[in-house]
PDB file of N, CA and C in Angstrom:
ATOM      1  N   MET A   1       0.820  -1.189   0.000  1.00  0.00           N
ATOM      2  CA  MET A   1       0.000   0.000   0.000  1.00  0.00           C
ATOM      3  C   MET A   1       0.864   1.254   0.000  1.00  0.00           C
ATOM      4  N   ALA A   2       1.950   1.242   0.768  1.00  0.00           N
ATOM      5  CA  ALA A   2       2.826   2.407   0.817  1.00  0.00           C
ATOM      6  C   ALA A   2       3.432   2.687  -0.553  1.00  0.00           C
ATOM      7  N   ALA A   3       3.781   1.644  -1.281  1.00  0.00           N
ATOM      8  CA  ALA A   3       4.347   1.829  -2.614  1.00  0.00           C
ATOM      9  C   ALA A   3       3.313   2.418  -3.567  1.00  0.00           C
ATOM     10  N   MET A   4       2.079   2.035  -3.395  1.00  0.00           N
ATOM     11  CA  MET A   4       1.014   2.556  -4.250  1.00  0.00           C
ATOM     12  C   MET A   4       0.772   4.037  -4.004  1.00  0.00           C
ATOM     13  N   SER A   5       0.945   4.484  -2.776  1.00  0.00           N
ATOM     14  CA  SER A   5       0.657   5.883  -2.474  1.00  0.00           C
ATOM     15  C   SER A   5       1.582   6.818  -3.244  1.00  0.00           C
ATOM     16  N   ARG A   6       2.790   6.379  -3.513  1.00  0.00           N
ATOM     17  CA  ARG A   6       3.713   7.203  -4.303  1.00  0.00           C
ATOM     18  C   ARG A   6       3.291   7.231  -5.763  1.00  0.00           C
ATOM     19  N   ALA A   7       2.672   6.165  -6.236  1.00  0.00           N
ATOM     20  CA  ALA A   7       2.278   6.072  -7.633  1.00  0.00           C
ATOM     21  C   ALA A   7       0.961   6.793  -7.903  1.00  0.00           C
ATOM     22  N   MET A   8       0.160   6.935  -6.883  1.00  0.00           N
ATOM     23  CA  MET A   8      -1.152   7.558  -7.052  1.00  0.00           C
ATOM     24  C   MET A   8      -1.047   9.047  -6.780  1.00  0.00           C
ATOM     25  N   SER A   9      -1.700   9.812  -7.610  1.00  0.00           N
ATOM     26  CA  SER A   9      -1.729  11.248  -7.329  1.00  0.00           C
ATOM     27  C   SER A   9      -3.091  11.581  -6.727  1.00  0.00           C
ATOM     28  N   TYR A  10      -3.083  12.450  -5.776  1.00  0.00           N
ATOM     29  CA  TYR A  10      -4.312  12.843  -5.123  1.00  0.00           C
ATOM     30  C   TYR A  10      -4.699  14.226  -5.593  1.00  0.00           C
ATOM     31  N   HIS A  11      -5.961  14.402  -5.870  1.00  0.00           N
ATOM     32  CA  HIS A  11      -6.459  15.692  -6.345  1.00  0.00           C
ATOM     33  C   HIS A  11      -7.529  16.168  -5.387  1.00  0.00           C
ATOM     34  N   ARG A  12      -7.288  17.299  -4.779  1.00  0.00           N
ATOM     35  CA  ARG A  12      -8.287  17.890  -3.898  1.00  0.00           C
ATOM     36  C   ARG A  12      -9.108  18.871  -4.726  1.00  0.00           C
ATOM     37  N   HIS A  13     -10.400  18.651  -4.759  1.00  0.00           N
ATOM     38  CA  HIS A  13     -11.268  19.498  -5.567  1.00  0.00           C
ATOM     39  C   HIS A  13     -11.434  20.855  -4.894  1.00  0.00           C
ATOM     40  N   THR A  14     -11.151  21.888  -5.636  1.00  0.00           N
ATOM     41  CA  THR A  14     -11.355  23.242  -5.144  1.00  0.00           C
ATOM     42  C   THR A  14     -12.519  23.864  -5.907  1.00  0.00           C
ATOM     43  N   ILE A  15     -12.955  25.010  -5.472  1.00  0.00           N
ATOM     44  CA  ILE A  15     -14.066  25.664  -6.140  1.00  0.00           C
ATOM     45  C   ILE A  15     -13.610  26.157  -7.511  1.00  0.00           C
ATOM     46  N   ASP A  16     -14.300  25.693  -8.545  1.00  0.00           N
ATOM     47  CA  ASP A  16     -13.977  26.117  -9.906  1.00  0.00           C
ATOM     48  C   ASP A  16     -15.028  27.118 -10.384  1.00  0.00           C
ATOM     49  N   GLY A  17     -14.991  27.454 -11.658  1.00  0.00           N
ATOM     50  CA  GLY A  17     -15.902  28.451 -12.209  1.00  0.00           C
ATOM     51  C   GLY A  17     -17.359  28.074 -12.069  1.00  0.00           C
ATOM     52  N   ILE A  18     -17.689  26.822 -12.322  1.00  0.00           N
ATOM     53  CA  ILE A  18     -19.079  26.369 -12.209  1.00  0.00           C
ATOM     54  C   ILE A  18     -19.525  26.448 -10.759  1.00  0.00           C
ATOM     55  N   ASP A  19     -18.687  25.948  -9.865  1.00  0.00           N
ATOM     56  CA  ASP A  19     -19.017  26.009  -8.441  1.00  0.00           C
ATOM     57  C   ASP A  19     -19.228  27.463  -8.010  1.00  0.00           C
ATOM     58  N   GLN A  20     -18.373  28.352  -8.499  1.00  0.00           N
ATOM     59  CA  GLN A  20     -18.464  29.756  -8.119  1.00  0.00           C
ATOM     60  C   GLN A  20     -19.788  30.365  -8.575  1.00  0.00           C
ATOM     61  N   LYS A  21     -20.242  30.018  -9.769  1.00  0.00           N
ATOM     62  CA  LYS A  21     -21.530  30.532 -10.260  1.00  0.00           C
ATOM     63  C   LYS A  21     -22.675  30.034  -9.389  1.00  0.00           C
ATOM     64  N   ILE A  22     -22.585  28.781  -8.961  1.00  0.00           N
ATOM     65  CA  ILE A  22     -23.621  28.225  -8.097  1.00  0.00           C
ATOM     66  C   ILE A  22     -23.605  28.929  -6.747  1.00  0.00           C
ATOM     67  N   VAL A  23     -22.421  29.148  -6.199  1.00  0.00           N
ATOM     68  CA  VAL A  23     -22.289  29.851  -4.916  1.00  0.00           C
ATOM     69  C   VAL A  23     -22.880  31.257  -5.032  1.00  0.00           C
ATOM     70  N   GLU A  24     -22.569  31.957  -6.114  1.00  0.00           N
ATOM     71  CA  GLU A  24     -23.108  33.301  -6.320  1.00  0.00           C
ATOM     72  C   GLU A  24     -24.631  33.284  -6.405  1.00  0.00           C
ATOM     73  N   HIS A  25     -25.173  32.267  -7.085  1.00  0.00           N
ATOM     74  CA  HIS A  25     -26.631  32.142  -7.182  1.00  0.00           C
ATOM     75  C   HIS A  25     -27.245  31.946  -5.798  1.00  0.00           C
ATOM     76  N   VAL A  26     -26.640  31.081  -4.995  1.00  0.00           N
ATOM     77  CA  VAL A  26     -27.158  30.819  -3.649  1.00  0.00           C
ATOM     78  C   VAL A  26     -27.053  32.085  -2.786  1.00  0.00           C
ATOM     79  N   ARG A  27     -25.979  32.827  -2.947  1.00  0.00           N
ATOM     80  CA  ARG A  27     -25.856  34.094  -2.202  1.00  0.00           C
ATOM     81  C   ARG A  27     -26.991  35.056  -2.564  1.00  0.00           C
ATOM     82  N   GLU A  28     -27.319  35.107  -3.848  1.00  0.00           N
ATOM     83  CA  GLU A  28     -28.341  36.050  -4.313  1.00  0.00           C
ATOM     84  C   GLU A  28     -29.758  35.602  -3.966  1.00  0.00           C
ATOM     85  N   TYR A  29     -30.060  34.321  -4.145  1.00  0.00           N
ATOM     86  CA  TYR A  29     -31.423  33.830  -3.985  1.00  0.00           C
ATOM     87  C   TYR A  29     -31.657  33.014  -2.713  1.00  0.00           C
ATOM     88  N   GLY A  30     -30.587  32.588  -2.045  1.00  0.00           N
ATOM     89  CA  GLY A  30     -30.732  31.826  -0.818  1.00  0.00           C
ATOM     90  C   GLY A  30     -30.781  30.326  -0.999  1.00  0.00           C
ATOM     91  N   PHE A  31     -30.974  29.872  -2.225  1.00  0.00           N
ATOM     92  CA  PHE A  31     -31.037  28.438  -2.509  1.00  0.00           C
ATOM     93  C   PHE A  31     -30.830  28.199  -3.995  1.00  0.00           C
ATOM     94  N   VAL A  32     -30.670  26.935  -4.348  1.00  0.00           N
ATOM     95  CA  VAL A  32     -30.579  26.511  -5.738  1.00  0.00           C
ATOM     96  C   VAL A  32     -31.311  25.176  -5.850  1.00  0.00           C
ATOM     97  N   THR A  33     -31.822  24.871  -7.038  1.00  0.00           N
ATOM     98  CA  THR A  33     -32.488  23.596  -7.297  1.00  0.00           C
ATOM     99  C   THR A  33     -31.818  22.911  -8.478  1.00  0.00           C
ATOM    100  N   ASN A  34     -32.148  21.662  -8.661  1.00  0.00           N
ATOM    101  CA  ASN A  34     -31.644  20.914  -9.805  1.00  0.00           C
ATOM    102  C   ASN A  34     -32.066  21.616 -11.091  1.00  0.00           C
ATOM    103  N   ARG A  35     -33.307  22.029 -11.155  1.00  0.00           N
ATOM    104  CA  ARG A  35     -33.825  22.681 -12.362  1.00  0.00           C
ATOM    105  C   ARG A  35     -33.085  23.989 -12.654  1.00  0.00           C
ATOM    106  N   THR A  36     -32.741  24.714 -11.614  1.00  0.00           N
ATOM    107  CA  THR A  36     -31.979  25.951 -11.792  1.00  0.00           C
ATOM    108  C   THR A  36     -30.642  25.659 -12.464  1.00  0.00           C
ATOM    109  N   LEU A  37     -29.964  24.615 -12.010  1.00  0.00           N
ATOM    110  CA  LEU A  37     -28.674  24.261 -12.603  1.00  0.00           C
ATOM    111  C   LEU A  37     -28.826  23.817 -14.051  1.00  0.00           C
ATOM    112  N   GLN A  38     -29.910  23.109 -14.341  1.00  0.00           N
ATOM    113  CA  GLN A  38     -30.163  22.705 -15.722  1.00  0.00           C
ATOM    114  C   GLN A  38     -30.271  23.927 -16.627  1.00  0.00           C
ATOM    115  N   ARG A  39     -30.968  24.938 -16.160  1.00  0.00           N
ATOM    116  CA  ARG A  39     -31.151  26.163 -16.954  1.00  0.00           C
ATOM    117  C   ARG A  39     -29.879  27.001 -17.027  1.00  0.00           C
ATOM    118  N   LEU A  40     -29.186  27.156 -15.897  1.00  0.00           N
ATOM    119  CA  LEU A  40     -27.976  27.981 -15.875  1.00  0.00           C
ATOM    120  C   LEU A  40     -26.883  27.452 -16.798  1.00  0.00           C
ATOM    121  N   PHE A  41     -26.718  26.132 -16.819  1.00  0.00           N
ATOM    122  CA  PHE A  41     -25.594  25.538 -17.536  1.00  0.00           C
ATOM    123  C   PHE A  41     -26.001  24.720 -18.760  1.00  0.00           C
ATOM    124  N   ASP A  42     -27.301  24.693 -19.078  1.00  0.00           N
ATOM    125  CA  ASP A  42     -27.817  23.926 -20.215  1.00  0.00           C
ATOM    126  C   ASP A  42     -27.330  22.483 -20.150  1.00  0.00           C
ATOM    127  N   ILE A  43     -27.623  21.848 -19.017  1.00  0.00           N
ATOM    128  CA  ILE A  43     -27.197  20.468 -18.785  1.00  0.00           C
ATOM    129  C   ILE A  43     -28.406  19.587 -18.485  1.00  0.00           C
ATOM    130  N   HIS A  44     -28.199  18.305 -18.550  1.00  0.00           N
ATOM    131  CA  HIS A  44     -29.231  17.309 -18.299  1.00  0.00           C
ATOM    132  C   HIS A  44     -29.472  17.188 -16.793  1.00  0.00           C
ATOM    133  N   VAL A  45     -30.626  16.673 -16.435  1.00  0.00           N
ATOM    134  CA  VAL A  45     -31.005  16.511 -15.033  1.00  0.00           C
ATOM    135  C   VAL A  45     -29.964  15.714 -14.248  1.00  0.00           C
ATOM    136  N   TYR A  46     -29.374  14.709 -14.878  1.00  0.00           N
ATOM    137  CA  TYR A  46     -28.401  13.864 -14.172  1.00  0.00           C
ATOM    138  C   TYR A  46     -27.075  14.591 -13.950  1.00  0.00           C
ATOM    139  N   ALA A  47     -26.679  15.438 -14.877  1.00  0.00           N
ATOM    140  CA  ALA A  47     -25.464  16.237 -14.691  1.00  0.00           C
ATOM    141  C   ALA A  47     -25.680  17.241 -13.561  1.00  0.00           C
ATOM    142  N   ALA A  48     -26.867  17.827 -13.500  1.00  0.00           N
ATOM    143  CA  ALA A  48     -27.188  18.758 -12.413  1.00  0.00           C
ATOM    144  C   ALA A  48     -27.172  18.023 -11.074  1.00  0.00           C
ATOM    145  N   ARG A  49     -27.714  16.817 -11.062  1.00  0.00           N
ATOM    146  CA  ARG A  49     -27.694  15.999  -9.837  1.00  0.00           C
ATOM    147  C   ARG A  49     -26.270  15.748  -9.382  1.00  0.00           C
ATOM    148  N   ASP A  50     -25.396  15.422 -10.329  1.00  0.00           N
ATOM    149  CA  ASP A  50     -24.000  15.143  -9.992  1.00  0.00           C
ATOM    150  C   ASP A  50     -23.310  16.380  -9.428  1.00  0.00           C
ATOM    151  N   LEU A  51     -23.597  17.546  -9.994  1.00  0.00           N
ATOM    152  CA  LEU A  51     -23.043  18.791  -9.456  1.00  0.00           C
ATOM    153  C   LEU A  51     -23.507  19.010  -8.026  1.00  0.00           C
ATOM    154  N   LEU A  52     -24.799  18.841  -7.802  1.00  0.00           N
ATOM    155  CA  LEU A  52     -25.345  19.034  -6.459  1.00  0.00           C
ATOM    156  C   LEU A  52     -24.751  18.034  -5.473  1.00  0.00           C
ATOM    157  N   ASN A  53     -24.618  16.789  -5.896  1.00  0.00           N
ATOM    158  CA  ASN A  53     -24.029  15.773  -5.016  1.00  0.00           C
ATOM    159  C   ASN A  53     -22.584  16.112  -4.670  1.00  0.00           C
ATOM    160  N   SER A  54     -21.833  16.598  -5.644  1.00  0.00           N
ATOM    161  CA  SER A  54     -20.456  16.978  -5.395  1.00  0.00           C
ATOM    162  C   SER A  54     -20.386  18.124  -4.384  1.00  0.00           C
ATOM    163  N   LEU A  55     -21.233  19.118  -4.550  1.00  0.00           N
ATOM    164  CA  LEU A  55     -21.257  20.252  -3.629  1.00  0.00           C
ATOM    165  C   LEU A  55     -21.723  19.818  -2.236  1.00  0.00           C
ATOM    166  N   ARG A  56     -22.635  18.883  -2.171  1.00  0.00           N
ATOM    167  CA  ARG A  56     -23.090  18.360  -0.880  1.00  0.00           C
ATOM    168  C   ARG A  56     -21.988  17.540  -0.216  1.00  0.00           C
ATOM    169  N   ASP A  57     -21.304  16.711  -0.993  1.00  0.00           N
ATOM    170  CA  ASP A  57     -20.219  15.889  -0.443  1.00  0.00           C
ATOM    171  C   ASP A  57     -19.120  16.764   0.160  1.00  0.00           C
ATOM    172  N   ARG A  58     -18.878  17.913  -0.451  1.00  0.00           N
ATOM    173  CA  ARG A  58     -17.852  18.833   0.035  1.00  0.00           C
ATOM    174  C   ARG A  58     -18.412  19.823   1.057  1.00  0.00           C
ATOM    175  N   GLU A  59     -19.676  19.642   1.449  1.00  0.00           N
ATOM    176  CA  GLU A  59     -20.375  20.442   2.457  1.00  0.00           C
ATOM    177  C   GLU A  59     -20.483  21.921   2.095  1.00  0.00           C
ATOM    178  N   ILE A  60     -20.428  22.221   0.803  1.00  0.00           N
ATOM    179  CA  ILE A  60     -20.632  23.592   0.342  1.00  0.00           C
ATOM    180  C   ILE A  60     -22.121  23.892   0.338  1.00  0.00           C
ATOM    181  N   LEU A  61     -22.923  22.899  -0.048  1.00  0.00           N
ATOM    182  CA  LEU A  61     -24.377  23.021  -0.012  1.00  0.00           C
ATOM    183  C   LEU A  61     -24.947  21.917   0.862  1.00  0.00           C
ATOM    184  N   GLU A  62     -26.159  22.164   1.356  1.00  0.00           N
ATOM    185  CA  GLU A  62     -26.901  21.133   2.065  1.00  0.00           C
ATOM    186  C   GLU A  62     -28.372  21.272   1.711  1.00  0.00           C
ATOM    187  N   LYS A  63     -29.073  20.155   1.800  1.00  0.00           N
ATOM    188  CA  LYS A  63     -30.500  20.157   1.503  1.00  0.00           C
ATOM    189  C   LYS A  63     -31.221  20.967   2.568  1.00  0.00           C
ATOM    190  N   ILE A  64     -32.154  21.806   2.129  1.00  0.00           N
ATOM    191  CA  ILE A  64     -32.954  22.585   3.067  1.00  0.00           C
ATOM    192  C   ILE A  64     -34.425  22.253   2.853  1.00  0.00           C
ATOM    193  N   GLY A  65     -35.206  22.375   3.888  1.00  0.00           N
ATOM    194  CA  GLY A  65     -36.634  22.076   3.787  1.00  0.00           C
ATOM    195  C   GLY A  65     -36.935  20.617   4.043  1.00  0.00           C
ATOM    196  N   GLU A  66     -38.191  20.289   3.890  1.00  0.00           N
ATOM    197  CA  GLU A  66     -38.676  18.943   4.205  1.00  0.00           C
ATOM    198  C   GLU A  66     -38.838  18.037   2.991  1.00  0.00           C
ATOM    199  N   ALA A  67     -38.662  18.563   1.779  1.00  0.00           N
ATOM    200  CA  ALA A  67     -38.883  17.766   0.570  1.00  0.00           C
ATOM    201  C   ALA A  67     -37.908  16.600   0.513  1.00  0.00           C
ATOM    202  N   LYS A  68     -38.427  15.435   0.160  1.00  0.00           N
ATOM    203  CA  LYS A  68     -37.601  14.226   0.069  1.00  0.00           C
ATOM    204  C   LYS A  68     -36.993  14.066  -1.319  1.00  0.00           C
ATOM    205  N   GLY A  69     -37.678  14.550  -2.339  1.00  0.00           N
ATOM    206  CA  GLY A  69     -37.203  14.405  -3.711  1.00  0.00           C
ATOM    207  C   GLY A  69     -38.107  15.157  -4.659  1.00  0.00           C
ATOM    208  N   GLY A  70     -37.673  15.235  -5.892  1.00  0.00           N
ATOM    209  CA  GLY A  70     -38.483  15.897  -6.906  1.00  0.00           C
ATOM    210  C   GLY A  70     -38.297  17.403  -6.926  1.00  0.00           C
ATOM    211  N   ARG A  71     -39.294  18.092  -7.442  1.00  0.00           N
ATOM    212  CA  ARG A  71     -39.207  19.530  -7.682  1.00  0.00           C
ATOM    213  C   ARG A  71     -39.050  20.370  -6.429  1.00  0.00           C
ATOM    214  N   GLY A  72     -39.475  19.888  -5.302  1.00  0.00           N
ATOM    215  CA  GLY A  72     -39.446  20.694  -4.090  1.00  0.00           C
ATOM    216  C   GLY A  72     -38.113  20.751  -3.371  1.00  0.00           C
ATOM    217  N   VAL A  73     -37.122  19.999  -3.844  1.00  0.00           N
ATOM    218  CA  VAL A  73     -35.838  19.944  -3.135  1.00  0.00           C
ATOM    219  C   VAL A  73     -35.023  21.196  -3.437  1.00  0.00           C
ATOM    220  N   ARG A  74     -34.607  21.851  -2.360  1.00  0.00           N
ATOM    221  CA  ARG A  74     -33.774  23.045  -2.463  1.00  0.00           C
ATOM    222  C   ARG A  74     -32.487  22.811  -1.694  1.00  0.00           C
ATOM    223  N   TYR A  75     -31.446  23.478  -2.152  1.00  0.00           N
ATOM    224  CA  TYR A  75     -30.140  23.359  -1.517  1.00  0.00           C
ATOM    225  C   TYR A  75     -29.658  24.750  -1.141  1.00  0.00           C
ATOM    226  N   GLY A  76     -29.233  24.892   0.100  1.00  0.00           N
ATOM    227  CA  GLY A  76     -28.742  26.173   0.601  1.00  0.00           C
ATOM    228  C   GLY A  76     -27.319  26.037   1.096  1.00  0.00           C
ATOM    229  N   PRO A  77     -26.806  27.104   1.689  1.00  0.00           N
ATOM    230  CA  PRO A  77     -25.423  27.088   2.166  1.00  0.00           C
ATOM    231  C   PRO A  77     -25.173  25.987   3.197  1.00  0.00           C
ATOM    232  N   GLY A  78     -24.059  25.289   3.012  1.00  0.00           N
ATOM    233  CA  GLY A  78     -23.650  24.260   3.951  1.00  0.00           C
ATOM    234  C   GLY A  78     -22.563  24.769   4.872  1.00  0.00           C
ATOM    235  N   PRO A  79     -22.034  23.894   5.731  1.00  0.00           N
ATOM    236  CA  PRO A  79     -21.017  24.288   6.704  1.00  0.00           C
ATOM    237  C   PRO A  79     -19.757  24.888   6.079  1.00  0.00           C
ATOM    238  N   ARG A  80     -19.413  24.477   4.879  1.00  0.00           N
ATOM    239  CA  ARG A  80     -18.193  24.979   4.223  1.00  0.00           C
ATOM    240  C   ARG A  80     -18.500  25.950   3.082  1.00  0.00           C
ATOM    241  N   PHE A  81     -19.684  26.547   3.124  1.00  0.00           N
ATOM    242  CA  PHE A  81     -20.053  27.530   2.104  1.00  0.00           C
ATOM    243  C   PHE A  81     -19.090  28.700   2.211  1.00  0.00           C
ATOM    244  N   PRO A  82     -18.513  29.122   1.083  1.00  0.00           N
ATOM    245  CA  PRO A  82     -17.536  30.225   1.132  1.00  0.00           C
ATOM    246  C   PRO A  82     -18.128  31.507   1.721  1.00  0.00           C
ATOM    247  N   GLY A  83     -17.386  32.115   2.645  1.00  0.00           N
ATOM    248  CA  GLY A  83     -17.840  33.306   3.348  1.00  0.00           C
ATOM    249  C   GLY A  83     -17.820  34.491   2.482  1.00  0.00           C
TER     250      GLY A  83
END
């Protein structure tokens, strides 16, 4: 395992341009939805889901409200949302 660690490169994901646009949207409106991302970036529902999951995994966004799924799900600032 130690030998493998030298061969593997680790990449820490930082906020990129797309993430920054999403953060700016959340700052302005207080939340973002999957549909909003589809419209902002002209992407498919699954690509928007992947973006949201990535932001949630990095604690930049978190689910807000009681909606379990579908159109009512909103995402707001998470614990690591940029100040």
